[in-house]
Structure formats: structure tokens, C-alpha cells
């Protein structure tokens, strides 16, 4: 159980750093008005979905991904 929690903390830290870096890059790019806001929303939504998937994996309820 401790190993799972430690792995979860590491995943969350790495995910947080990647999200921060992506948000920083989007803020630095000279894009027209609506695109940075849309990009920020997409980044945050994807990060939340990944975080929920990781938390479900800790509980053992992760759905299997079958891509055909």
C-alpha cells in the first residue's frame, strides 16, 4: 500500500510539473485572443482526467483500455 501511495505522489508531482510547463508555454506564445483560453481549459481537463484515472488505479477500479 505504501508503494502505491508513493508512486501516486510521484505521478502527481510529475503531472503537476508537466501541466505547469504547458500552461507557461501557452501563456508565452503570442496567439490571438480565444486560443490561449481554450488551450488552458483543454490542458486542465486532460490533467483532471489523468488524475482521476490514477486515483481509480490506486483503488483498483481502473477500467481496461481496449483499443481495436
C-alpha atoms as a PDB file:
ATOM      1  CA  UNK A   1       0.000   0.000   0.000  1.00  0.00           C
ATOM      2  CA  UNK A   2       2.851   2.392   0.822  1.00  0.00           C
ATOM      3  CA  UNK A   3       4.445   1.671  -2.562  1.00  0.00           C
ATOM      4  CA  UNK A   4       1.192   2.574  -4.301  1.00  0.00           C
ATOM      5  CA  UNK A   5       0.883   5.840  -2.406  1.00  0.00           C
ATOM      6  CA  UNK A   6       4.493   6.728  -3.113  1.00  0.00           C
ATOM      7  CA  UNK A   7       4.010   6.017  -6.817  1.00  0.00           C
ATOM      8  CA  UNK A   8       0.829   8.122  -6.782  1.00  0.00           C
ATOM      9  CA  UNK A   9       2.668  11.069  -5.210  1.00  0.00           C
ATOM     10  CA  UNK A  10       5.423  10.818  -7.814  1.00  0.00           C
ATOM     11  CA  UNK A  11       2.859  10.671 -10.632  1.00  0.00           C
ATOM     12  CA  UNK A  12       1.015  13.693  -9.238  1.00  0.00           C
ATOM     13  CA  UNK A  13       4.228  15.718  -8.918  1.00  0.00           C
ATOM     14  CA  UNK A  14       5.280  14.876 -12.481  1.00  0.00           C
ATOM     15  CA  UNK A  15       1.775  15.594 -13.794  1.00  0.00           C
ATOM     16  CA  UNK A  16       1.752  18.931 -11.953  1.00  0.00           C
ATOM     17  CA  UNK A  17       5.101  19.914 -13.433  1.00  0.00           C
ATOM     18  CA  UNK A  18       4.015  18.985 -16.957  1.00  0.00           C
ATOM     19  CA  UNK A  19       0.739  20.898 -16.590  1.00  0.00           C
ATOM     20  CA  UNK A  20       2.558  23.932 -15.191  1.00  0.00           C
ATOM     21  CA  UNK A  21       5.048  23.835 -18.060  1.00  0.00           C
ATOM     22  CA  UNK A  22       2.279  23.554 -20.666  1.00  0.00           C
ATOM     23  CA  UNK A  23       0.342  26.432 -19.105  1.00  0.00           C
ATOM     24  CA  UNK A  24       3.518  28.528 -19.028  1.00  0.00           C
ATOM     25  CA  UNK A  25       4.253  27.802 -22.697  1.00  0.00           C
ATOM     26  CA  UNK A  26       0.682  28.669 -23.711  1.00  0.00           C
ATOM     27  CA  UNK A  27       0.927  31.936 -21.782  1.00  0.00           C
ATOM     28  CA  UNK A  28       4.202  32.844 -23.529  1.00  0.00           C
ATOM     29  CA  UNK A  29       3.045  32.150 -27.085  1.00  0.00           C
ATOM     30  CA  UNK A  30       1.670  35.180 -28.954  1.00  0.00           C
ATOM     31  CA  UNK A  31      -1.665  33.692 -30.004  1.00  0.00           C
ATOM     32  CA  UNK A  32      -4.898  35.535 -30.855  1.00  0.00           C
ATOM     33  CA  UNK A  33      -7.411  36.087 -28.072  1.00  0.00           C
ATOM     34  CA  UNK A  34      -9.589  32.951 -27.764  1.00  0.00           C
ATOM     35  CA  UNK A  35      -6.898  30.329 -28.393  1.00  0.00           C
ATOM     36  CA  UNK A  36      -4.904  30.643 -25.123  1.00  0.00           C
ATOM     37  CA  UNK A  37      -8.075  30.352 -23.028  1.00  0.00           C
ATOM     38  CA  UNK A  38      -9.227  27.291 -24.959  1.00  0.00           C
ATOM     39  CA  UNK A  39      -5.777  25.716 -24.665  1.00  0.00           C
ATOM     40  CA  UNK A  40      -5.727  26.307 -20.895  1.00  0.00           C
ATOM     41  CA  UNK A  41      -9.138  24.683 -20.495  1.00  0.00           C
ATOM     42  CA  UNK A  42      -8.095  21.674 -22.586  1.00  0.00           C
ATOM     43  CA  UNK A  43      -4.865  21.249 -20.590  1.00  0.00           C
ATOM     44  CA  UNK A  44      -6.690  21.397 -17.250  1.00  0.00           C
ATOM     45  CA  UNK A  45      -9.442  18.996 -18.367  1.00  0.00           C
ATOM     46  CA  UNK A  46      -6.923  16.458 -19.664  1.00  0.00           C
ATOM     47  CA  UNK A  47      -4.894  16.748 -16.443  1.00  0.00           C
ATOM     48  CA  UNK A  48      -8.032  16.159 -14.351  1.00  0.00           C
ATOM     49  CA  UNK A  49      -8.955  13.094 -16.400  1.00  0.00           C
ATOM     50  CA  UNK A  50      -5.442  11.673 -15.969  1.00  0.00           C
ATOM     51  CA  UNK A  51      -5.560  12.397 -12.223  1.00  0.00           C
ATOM     52  CA  UNK A  52      -8.931  10.656 -11.869  1.00  0.00           C
ATOM     53  CA  UNK A  53      -7.574   7.684 -13.817  1.00  0.00           C
ATOM     54  CA  UNK A  54      -4.567   7.469 -11.477  1.00  0.00           C
ATOM     55  CA  UNK A  55      -6.770   7.653  -8.381  1.00  0.00           C
ATOM     56  CA  UNK A  56      -9.040   4.933  -9.742  1.00  0.00           C
ATOM     57  CA  UNK A  57      -5.960   2.794 -10.350  1.00  0.00           C
ATOM     58  CA  UNK A  58      -4.990   3.184  -6.704  1.00  0.00           C
ATOM     59  CA  UNK A  59      -8.427   1.944  -5.674  1.00  0.00           C
ATOM     60  CA  UNK A  60      -8.350  -0.917  -8.156  1.00  0.00           C
ATOM     61  CA  UNK A  61     -11.219   0.388 -10.236  1.00  0.00           C
ATOM     62  CA  UNK A  62      -9.356   1.408 -13.352  1.00  0.00           C
ATOM     63  CA  UNK A  63     -11.243   0.417 -16.476  1.00  0.00           C
ATOM     64  CA  UNK A  64      -9.246  -1.517 -19.020  1.00  0.00           C
ATOM     65  CA  UNK A  65      -8.406   0.312 -22.207  1.00  0.00           C
ATOM     66  CA  UNK A  66      -9.116  -1.829 -25.251  1.00  0.00           C
ATOM     67  CA  UNK A  67      -8.375  -0.047 -28.458  1.00  0.00           C
ATOM     68  CA  UNK A  68      -9.394  -2.017 -31.528  1.00  0.00           C
END
